[in-house]
N, C-alpha and C. Protein backbone atom coordinates (compact mmCIF):
# COMPACT_ATOMS: atom_id res chain seq x y z
N UNK A 1 0.77 -1.13 -0.02
CA UNK A 1 0.01 -0.03 0.01
C UNK A 1 0.88 1.28 0.00
N UNK A 2 1.94 1.12 0.60
CA UNK A 2 2.91 2.25 0.58
C UNK A 2 3.31 2.47 -0.89
N UNK A 3 3.43 1.52 -1.71
CA UNK A 3 3.81 1.68 -3.06
C UNK A 3 2.79 2.45 -3.82
N UNK A 4 1.59 2.25 -3.60
CA UNK A 4 0.50 3.01 -4.32
C UNK A 4 0.28 4.36 -3.64
N UNK A 5 0.43 4.40 -2.41
CA UNK A 5 0.19 5.64 -1.74
C UNK A 5 1.17 6.70 -2.07
N UNK A 6 2.40 6.42 -2.19
CA UNK A 6 3.40 7.39 -2.55
C UNK A 6 3.21 8.03 -3.92
N UNK A 7 3.05 7.26 -4.96
CA UNK A 7 2.80 7.98 -6.29
C UNK A 7 1.50 8.71 -6.27
N UNK A 8 0.40 8.23 -5.58
CA UNK A 8 -0.79 8.90 -5.54
C UNK A 8 -0.65 10.22 -4.79
N UNK A 9 0.09 10.32 -3.67
CA UNK A 9 0.31 11.48 -2.95
C UNK A 9 1.06 12.47 -3.78
N UNK A 10 2.06 11.96 -4.51
CA UNK A 10 2.85 12.86 -5.36
C UNK A 10 2.01 13.43 -6.47
N UNK A 11 1.12 12.61 -7.07
CA UNK A 11 0.23 13.11 -8.07
C UNK A 11 -0.70 14.20 -7.52
N UNK A 12 -1.24 13.95 -6.35
CA UNK A 12 -2.16 14.93 -5.74
C UNK A 12 -1.46 16.20 -5.46
N UNK A 13 -0.18 16.12 -4.93
CA UNK A 13 0.57 17.31 -4.57
C UNK A 13 0.88 18.06 -5.88
N UNK A 14 1.23 17.45 -6.91
CA UNK A 14 1.41 18.21 -8.14
C UNK A 14 0.16 18.80 -8.65
N UNK A 15 -0.90 18.07 -8.57
CA UNK A 15 -2.19 18.59 -9.05
C UNK A 15 -2.61 19.82 -8.23
N UNK A 16 -2.43 19.71 -6.94
CA UNK A 16 -2.76 20.87 -6.04
C UNK A 16 -1.89 22.06 -6.33
N UNK A 17 -0.60 21.74 -6.50
CA UNK A 17 0.31 22.91 -6.79
C UNK A 17 -0.07 23.61 -8.03
N UNK A 18 -0.56 22.86 -9.02
CA UNK A 18 -0.98 23.42 -10.35
C UNK A 18 -2.25 24.17 -10.25
N UNK A 19 -3.07 23.82 -9.31
CA UNK A 19 -4.38 24.50 -9.13
C UNK A 19 -4.31 25.82 -8.35
N UNK A 20 -3.08 26.11 -7.88
CA UNK A 20 -2.98 27.38 -7.14
C UNK A 20 -3.32 28.58 -7.89
N UNK A 21 -3.45 29.67 -7.15
CA UNK A 21 -3.79 30.97 -7.74
C UNK A 21 -2.72 31.44 -8.69
N UNK A 22 -2.99 31.69 -9.95
CA UNK A 22 -2.02 32.12 -10.82
C UNK A 22 -2.05 33.70 -10.87
N UNK A 23 -0.88 34.35 -11.08
CA UNK A 23 -0.84 35.76 -11.20
C UNK A 23 -1.44 36.16 -12.56
N UNK A 24 -2.18 37.20 -12.54
CA UNK A 24 -2.79 37.69 -13.77
C UNK A 24 -1.67 38.20 -14.68
N UNK A 25 -1.77 37.81 -15.86
CA UNK A 25 -0.82 38.32 -16.90
C UNK A 25 -1.45 39.55 -17.56
N UNK A 26 -0.62 40.51 -17.93
CA UNK A 26 -1.16 41.70 -18.59
C UNK A 26 -1.90 41.27 -19.83
N UNK A 27 -3.07 41.91 -20.09
CA UNK A 27 -3.77 41.53 -21.31
C UNK A 27 -3.07 42.13 -22.47
N UNK A 28 -3.37 41.64 -23.63
CA UNK A 28 -2.77 42.06 -24.86
C UNK A 28 -3.19 43.45 -25.17
N UNK A 29 -4.27 43.96 -24.72
CA UNK A 29 -4.79 45.33 -24.97
C UNK A 29 -4.07 46.40 -24.19
N UNK A 30 -3.49 46.04 -23.07
CA UNK A 30 -2.77 47.08 -22.20
C UNK A 30 -1.30 47.09 -22.62
N UNK A 31 -0.78 48.20 -23.03
CA UNK A 31 0.64 48.28 -23.40
C UNK A 31 1.53 48.22 -22.13
N UNK A 32 2.69 47.81 -22.31
CA UNK A 32 3.62 47.73 -21.19
C UNK A 32 3.85 49.16 -20.59
N UNK A 33 4.28 49.16 -19.36
CA UNK A 33 4.44 50.38 -18.58
C UNK A 33 5.37 51.34 -19.31
N UNK A 34 6.44 50.80 -19.83
CA UNK A 34 7.42 51.68 -20.58
C UNK A 34 6.77 52.43 -21.73
N UNK A 35 5.92 51.71 -22.47
CA UNK A 35 5.15 52.35 -23.58
C UNK A 35 4.23 53.46 -23.07
N UNK A 36 3.57 53.18 -21.97
CA UNK A 36 2.67 54.17 -21.41
C UNK A 36 3.38 55.47 -20.97
N UNK A 37 4.65 55.30 -20.41
CA UNK A 37 5.43 56.39 -19.99
C UNK A 37 5.78 57.21 -21.19
N UNK A 38 6.20 56.54 -22.24
CA UNK A 38 6.52 57.20 -23.54
C UNK A 38 5.37 58.03 -24.07
N UNK A 39 4.14 57.42 -24.00
CA UNK A 39 2.96 58.07 -24.49
C UNK A 39 2.63 59.31 -23.68
N UNK A 40 2.73 59.24 -22.35
CA UNK A 40 2.51 60.33 -21.43
C UNK A 40 3.56 61.46 -21.78
N UNK A 41 4.77 61.08 -21.97
CA UNK A 41 5.80 62.07 -22.34
C UNK A 41 5.45 62.68 -23.68
N UNK A 42 5.02 62.03 -24.66
CA UNK A 42 4.63 62.56 -25.94
C UNK A 42 3.49 63.51 -25.81
N UNK A 43 2.49 63.17 -25.00
CA UNK A 43 1.37 64.07 -24.83
C UNK A 43 1.76 65.32 -24.10
N UNK A 44 2.65 65.21 -23.16
CA UNK A 44 3.14 66.43 -22.43
C UNK A 44 3.89 67.34 -23.42
N UNK A 45 4.71 66.71 -24.23
CA UNK A 45 5.51 67.51 -25.22
C UNK A 45 4.55 68.28 -26.17
N UNK A 46 3.55 67.48 -26.68
CA UNK A 46 2.63 68.08 -27.63
C UNK A 46 1.82 69.16 -26.99
N UNK A 47 1.39 69.01 -25.74
CA UNK A 47 0.67 70.04 -25.04
C UNK A 47 1.52 71.33 -24.85
N UNK A 48 2.76 71.18 -24.52
CA UNK A 48 3.68 72.28 -24.42
C UNK A 48 3.86 73.01 -25.70
N UNK A 49 4.03 72.27 -26.75
CA UNK A 49 4.16 72.80 -28.10
C UNK A 49 2.98 73.58 -28.53
N UNK A 50 1.77 73.03 -28.25
CA UNK A 50 0.51 73.72 -28.60
C UNK A 50 0.36 74.97 -27.81
N UNK A 51 0.70 74.93 -26.51
CA UNK A 51 0.61 76.05 -25.68
C UNK A 51 1.56 77.22 -26.11
N UNK A 52 2.78 76.83 -26.50
CA UNK A 52 3.70 77.85 -27.04
C UNK A 52 3.11 78.44 -28.32
N UNK A 53 2.58 77.59 -29.22
CA UNK A 53 2.03 78.08 -30.51
C UNK A 53 0.90 79.08 -30.23
N UNK A 54 0.05 78.75 -29.26
CA UNK A 54 -1.11 79.60 -28.91
C UNK A 54 -0.62 80.93 -28.40
N UNK A 55 0.37 80.85 -27.53
CA UNK A 55 0.96 82.12 -26.92
C UNK A 55 1.58 82.97 -28.00
N UNK A 56 2.32 82.35 -28.93
CA UNK A 56 2.94 83.10 -30.00
C UNK A 56 1.92 83.79 -30.92
N UNK A 57 0.84 82.98 -31.18
CA UNK A 57 -0.27 83.53 -32.02
C UNK A 57 -1.00 84.69 -31.35
N UNK A 58 -1.18 84.60 -30.04
CA UNK A 58 -1.86 85.64 -29.25
C UNK A 58 -0.99 86.90 -29.27
N UNK A 59 0.36 86.72 -29.13
CA UNK A 59 1.24 87.84 -29.12
C UNK A 59 1.23 88.54 -30.51
N UNK A 60 1.22 87.78 -31.55
CA UNK A 60 1.16 88.39 -32.88
C UNK A 60 -0.16 89.11 -33.06
N UNK A 61 -1.27 88.52 -32.64
CA UNK A 61 -2.49 89.15 -32.71
C UNK A 61 -2.57 90.46 -31.97
N UNK A 62 -2.03 90.44 -30.69
CA UNK A 62 -1.94 91.71 -29.96
C UNK A 62 -1.20 92.80 -30.66
N UNK A 63 -0.19 92.42 -31.40
CA UNK A 63 0.63 93.41 -32.18
C UNK A 63 -0.13 93.84 -33.42
N UNK A 64 -0.92 92.97 -34.02
CA UNK A 64 -1.60 93.24 -35.28
C UNK A 64 -2.83 94.14 -35.10
N UNK A 65 -3.50 93.98 -33.90
CA UNK A 65 -4.68 94.78 -33.70
C UNK A 65 -4.45 96.32 -33.75
N UNK A 66 -3.45 96.81 -33.01
CA UNK A 66 -3.30 98.26 -33.17
C UNK A 66 -2.89 98.65 -34.58
N UNK A 67 -2.16 97.84 -35.23
CA UNK A 67 -1.71 98.19 -36.66
C UNK A 67 -2.89 98.21 -37.55
N UNK A 68 -3.84 97.27 -37.39
CA UNK A 68 -5.04 97.19 -38.21
C UNK A 68 -5.94 98.36 -37.89
N UNK A 69 -6.01 98.68 -36.58
CA UNK A 69 -6.90 99.80 -36.14
C UNK A 69 -6.33 101.08 -36.76
N UNK A 70 -5.09 101.29 -36.67
CA UNK A 70 -4.47 102.52 -37.28
C UNK A 70 -4.69 102.57 -38.78
N UNK A 71 -4.49 101.44 -39.47
CA UNK A 71 -4.71 101.38 -40.94
C UNK A 71 -6.16 101.75 -41.26
N UNK A 72 -7.14 101.22 -40.46
CA UNK A 72 -8.54 101.52 -40.73
C UNK A 72 -8.83 103.01 -40.46
N UNK A 73 -8.24 103.55 -39.44
CA UNK A 73 -8.36 104.98 -39.12
C UNK A 73 -7.74 105.90 -40.19
N UNK A 74 -6.60 105.46 -40.68
CA UNK A 74 -6.00 106.18 -41.81
C UNK A 74 -6.80 106.15 -43.03
N UNK A 75 -7.39 105.03 -43.36
CA UNK A 75 -8.23 104.87 -44.50
C UNK A 75 -9.49 105.76 -44.40
N UNK A 76 -10.12 105.74 -43.22
CA UNK A 76 -11.27 106.53 -42.94
C UNK A 76 -10.94 108.01 -43.03
N UNK A 77 -9.76 108.39 -42.45
CA UNK A 77 -9.40 109.83 -42.60
C UNK A 77 -9.14 110.21 -43.99
N UNK A 78 -8.53 109.30 -44.82
CA UNK A 78 -8.28 109.63 -46.20
C UNK A 78 -9.58 109.80 -46.94
N UNK A 79 -10.55 108.95 -46.67
CA UNK A 79 -11.80 108.97 -47.30
C UNK A 79 -12.50 110.25 -46.89
N UNK A 80 -12.50 110.57 -45.62
CA UNK A 80 -13.12 111.81 -45.10
C UNK A 80 -12.46 113.02 -45.66
N UNK A 81 -11.13 112.92 -45.79
CA UNK A 81 -10.32 114.03 -46.30
C UNK A 81 -10.73 114.32 -47.80
N UNK A 82 -10.94 113.21 -48.53
CA UNK A 82 -11.39 113.39 -49.93
C UNK A 82 -12.76 114.05 -49.92
N UNK A 83 -13.72 113.62 -49.10
CA UNK A 83 -15.02 114.11 -49.03
C UNK A 83 -14.95 115.56 -48.54
N UNK A 84 -14.09 115.82 -47.59
CA UNK A 84 -13.95 117.17 -47.06
C UNK A 84 -13.50 118.15 -48.12
N UNK A 85 -12.59 117.67 -48.94
CA UNK A 85 -12.04 118.54 -49.99
C UNK A 85 -13.16 118.93 -51.05
N UNK A 86 -13.90 117.90 -51.35
CA UNK A 86 -15.03 118.13 -52.26
C UNK A 86 -16.07 119.04 -51.61
N UNK A 87 -16.36 118.80 -50.30
CA UNK A 87 -17.32 119.70 -49.63
C UNK A 87 -16.78 121.15 -49.53
N UNK A 88 -15.46 121.27 -49.23
CA UNK A 88 -14.95 122.62 -49.22
C UNK A 88 -15.00 123.37 -50.53
N UNK A 89 -14.69 122.63 -51.56
CA UNK A 89 -14.80 123.26 -52.96
C UNK A 89 -16.24 123.70 -53.22
N UNK A 90 -17.24 122.84 -52.85
CA UNK A 90 -18.62 123.04 -53.06
C UNK A 90 -19.05 124.29 -52.25
N UNK A 91 -18.64 124.35 -50.97
CA UNK A 91 -19.03 125.40 -50.11
C UNK A 91 -18.42 126.77 -50.62
N UNK A 92 -17.23 126.68 -51.07
CA UNK A 92 -16.53 127.92 -51.56
C UNK A 92 -17.29 128.43 -52.83
N UNK A 93 -17.64 127.49 -53.72
CA UNK A 93 -18.38 127.90 -54.88
C UNK A 93 -19.74 128.51 -54.52
N UNK A 94 -20.44 127.93 -53.59
CA UNK A 94 -21.76 128.40 -53.17
C UNK A 94 -21.68 129.73 -52.51
N UNK A 95 -20.64 129.90 -51.66
CA UNK A 95 -20.41 131.21 -51.01
C UNK A 95 -20.12 132.27 -52.03
N UNK A 96 -19.33 131.94 -53.07
CA UNK A 96 -19.04 132.83 -54.12
C UNK A 96 -20.23 133.26 -54.90
N UNK A 97 -21.19 132.36 -55.02
CA UNK A 97 -22.41 132.66 -55.74
C UNK A 97 -23.52 133.27 -54.82
N UNK A 98 -23.15 133.57 -53.59
CA UNK A 98 -24.02 134.13 -52.61
C UNK A 98 -25.18 133.23 -52.21
N UNK A 99 -24.93 131.93 -52.29
CA UNK A 99 -25.94 130.90 -51.84
C UNK A 99 -25.48 130.64 -50.43
N UNK A 100 -25.82 131.53 -49.52
CA UNK A 100 -25.36 131.51 -48.17
C UNK A 100 -25.94 130.30 -47.36
N UNK A 101 -27.19 130.06 -47.56
CA UNK A 101 -27.85 128.94 -46.74
C UNK A 101 -27.15 127.68 -47.11
N UNK A 102 -27.00 127.37 -48.39
CA UNK A 102 -26.39 126.12 -48.78
C UNK A 102 -24.95 125.93 -48.37
N UNK A 103 -24.18 127.11 -48.49
CA UNK A 103 -22.78 127.11 -48.05
C UNK A 103 -22.73 126.89 -46.49
N UNK A 104 -23.60 127.56 -45.84
CA UNK A 104 -23.61 127.38 -44.35
C UNK A 104 -23.92 125.95 -43.89
N UNK A 105 -24.78 125.28 -44.62
CA UNK A 105 -25.08 123.81 -44.31
C UNK A 105 -23.84 123.01 -44.43
N UNK A 106 -23.13 123.27 -45.54
CA UNK A 106 -21.90 122.47 -45.86
C UNK A 106 -20.83 122.82 -44.78
N UNK A 107 -20.76 124.08 -44.39
CA UNK A 107 -19.74 124.49 -43.35
C UNK A 107 -20.06 123.78 -42.04
N UNK A 108 -21.40 123.54 -41.70
CA UNK A 108 -21.74 122.88 -40.51
C UNK A 108 -21.22 121.40 -40.61
N UNK A 109 -21.47 120.73 -41.79
CA UNK A 109 -21.01 119.44 -41.93
C UNK A 109 -19.48 119.31 -41.81
N UNK A 110 -18.84 120.27 -42.36
CA UNK A 110 -17.31 120.27 -42.34
C UNK A 110 -16.83 120.45 -40.88
N UNK A 111 -17.57 121.19 -40.09
CA UNK A 111 -17.12 121.43 -38.75
C UNK A 111 -17.09 120.18 -37.94
N UNK A 112 -17.84 119.25 -38.29
CA UNK A 112 -17.94 117.97 -37.51
C UNK A 112 -16.82 116.95 -37.93
N UNK A 113 -16.12 117.28 -39.06
CA UNK A 113 -15.05 116.42 -39.53
C UNK A 113 -13.76 116.79 -38.98
N UNK A 114 -12.84 115.82 -38.99
CA UNK A 114 -11.44 116.11 -38.54
C UNK A 114 -10.75 116.59 -39.81
N UNK A 115 -10.30 117.80 -39.82
CA UNK A 115 -9.72 118.38 -41.02
C UNK A 115 -8.24 118.61 -40.88
N UNK A 116 -7.54 118.60 -42.01
CA UNK A 116 -6.15 118.88 -42.00
C UNK A 116 -5.92 120.36 -41.75
N UNK A 117 -4.73 120.83 -41.52
CA UNK A 117 -4.41 122.22 -41.32
C UNK A 117 -4.85 123.05 -42.56
N UNK A 118 -4.50 122.55 -43.74
CA UNK A 118 -4.89 123.27 -45.00
C UNK A 118 -6.38 123.35 -45.09
N UNK A 119 -7.13 122.30 -44.79
CA UNK A 119 -8.52 122.26 -44.88
C UNK A 119 -9.16 123.24 -43.88
N UNK A 120 -8.58 123.28 -42.72
CA UNK A 120 -9.03 124.24 -41.66
C UNK A 120 -8.85 125.68 -42.17
N UNK A 121 -7.83 125.98 -42.80
CA UNK A 121 -7.55 127.31 -43.33
C UNK A 121 -8.62 127.64 -44.41
N UNK A 122 -8.82 126.71 -45.28
CA UNK A 122 -9.77 126.94 -46.34
C UNK A 122 -11.29 127.08 -45.78
N UNK A 123 -11.52 126.34 -44.78
CA UNK A 123 -12.81 126.49 -44.10
C UNK A 123 -12.95 127.86 -43.43
N UNK A 124 -11.90 128.39 -42.90
CA UNK A 124 -11.96 129.77 -42.33
C UNK A 124 -12.16 130.79 -43.42
N UNK A 125 -11.55 130.59 -44.56
CA UNK A 125 -11.73 131.46 -45.72
C UNK A 125 -13.22 131.48 -46.15
N UNK A 126 -13.80 130.26 -46.21
CA UNK A 126 -15.20 130.17 -46.64
C UNK A 126 -16.12 130.73 -45.65
N UNK A 127 -15.91 130.60 -44.37
CA UNK A 127 -16.65 131.31 -43.34
C UNK A 127 -16.60 132.78 -43.54
N UNK A 128 -15.36 133.31 -43.79
CA UNK A 128 -15.18 134.74 -44.04
C UNK A 128 -16.00 135.19 -45.29
N UNK A 129 -15.99 134.43 -46.39
CA UNK A 129 -16.79 134.71 -47.54
C UNK A 129 -18.31 134.74 -47.15
N UNK A 130 -18.71 133.80 -46.42
CA UNK A 130 -20.15 133.80 -45.97
C UNK A 130 -20.40 134.95 -45.12
N UNK A 131 -19.53 135.32 -44.17
CA UNK A 131 -19.75 136.50 -43.35
C UNK A 131 -19.81 137.77 -44.22
N UNK A 132 -18.91 137.86 -45.13
CA UNK A 132 -18.83 139.02 -46.05
C UNK A 132 -20.19 139.17 -46.83
N UNK A 133 -20.61 138.00 -47.38
CA UNK A 133 -21.88 138.03 -48.17
C UNK A 133 -23.02 138.33 -47.31
N UNK A 134 -23.06 137.89 -46.12
CA UNK A 134 -24.12 138.20 -45.15
C UNK A 134 -24.15 139.67 -44.85
N UNK A 135 -22.92 140.26 -44.64
CA UNK A 135 -22.81 141.68 -44.26
C UNK A 135 -23.22 142.50 -45.45
N UNK A 136 -22.94 142.12 -46.68
CA UNK A 136 -23.18 142.92 -47.86
C UNK A 136 -24.68 142.86 -48.26
N UNK A 137 -25.36 141.81 -47.89
CA UNK A 137 -26.77 141.73 -48.21
C UNK A 137 -27.54 141.03 -47.11
N UNK A 138 -27.69 141.72 -45.95
CA UNK A 138 -28.33 141.09 -44.80
C UNK A 138 -29.74 140.62 -45.06
N UNK A 139 -30.46 141.37 -45.93
CA UNK A 139 -31.91 140.94 -46.19
C UNK A 139 -31.87 139.65 -46.93
N UNK A 140 -30.98 139.58 -48.01
CA UNK A 140 -30.90 138.40 -48.80
C UNK A 140 -30.42 137.18 -48.02
N UNK A 141 -29.49 137.41 -47.12
CA UNK A 141 -28.93 136.34 -46.27
C UNK A 141 -30.04 135.82 -45.38
N UNK A 142 -30.78 136.81 -44.80
CA UNK A 142 -31.94 136.36 -43.91
C UNK A 142 -32.93 135.54 -44.69
N UNK A 143 -33.22 136.05 -45.88
CA UNK A 143 -34.19 135.31 -46.72
C UNK A 143 -33.68 133.99 -47.13
N UNK A 144 -32.38 133.85 -47.40
CA UNK A 144 -31.80 132.59 -47.72
C UNK A 144 -31.80 131.64 -46.54
N UNK A 145 -31.56 132.18 -45.35
CA UNK A 145 -31.58 131.37 -44.19
C UNK A 145 -32.99 130.87 -43.86
N UNK A 146 -34.00 131.60 -44.31
CA UNK A 146 -35.42 131.17 -44.07
C UNK A 146 -35.95 130.34 -45.22
N UNK A 147 -35.11 130.07 -46.23
CA UNK A 147 -35.53 129.16 -47.31
C UNK A 147 -35.92 129.97 -48.53
N UNK A 148 -35.72 131.26 -48.55
CA UNK A 148 -36.18 132.10 -49.76
C UNK A 148 -35.07 131.96 -50.83
N UNK A 149 -35.29 132.50 -51.99
CA UNK A 149 -34.32 132.52 -53.08
C UNK A 149 -33.34 133.64 -52.89
N UNK A 150 -32.10 133.34 -53.24
CA UNK A 150 -31.08 134.47 -53.20
C UNK A 150 -30.84 134.94 -54.58
């Protein structure tokens, strides 16, 4: 019986040892820890790069806004200057023709515009012409201001 008992005990011991709790092996879907560390490093590097790019773009934008604003203001002034020149010429012509009411309306429009030094001088001359025409013919100027014919 000892002869049977010994091999049987050995077989049971081997079987029991094989049935023990096995350590879980990493699944095929989970990358090794080294690869995960590399991925985390790559993400951090990409995040830093994107952050730097955004900061650089923001700095360029901050520089571009004042330049664009100034360019728009310059364009508006150039346009207004061209309009102002045309209005000045028209007011001068009307004042010379003793059309005081019409010239005065244009002078009022011009007073609200930002004029160059030359345009301001011309506007002063036109105002003097209007004043002179009003002084020369007060009744006609009053009639013109009231909507009558000059």
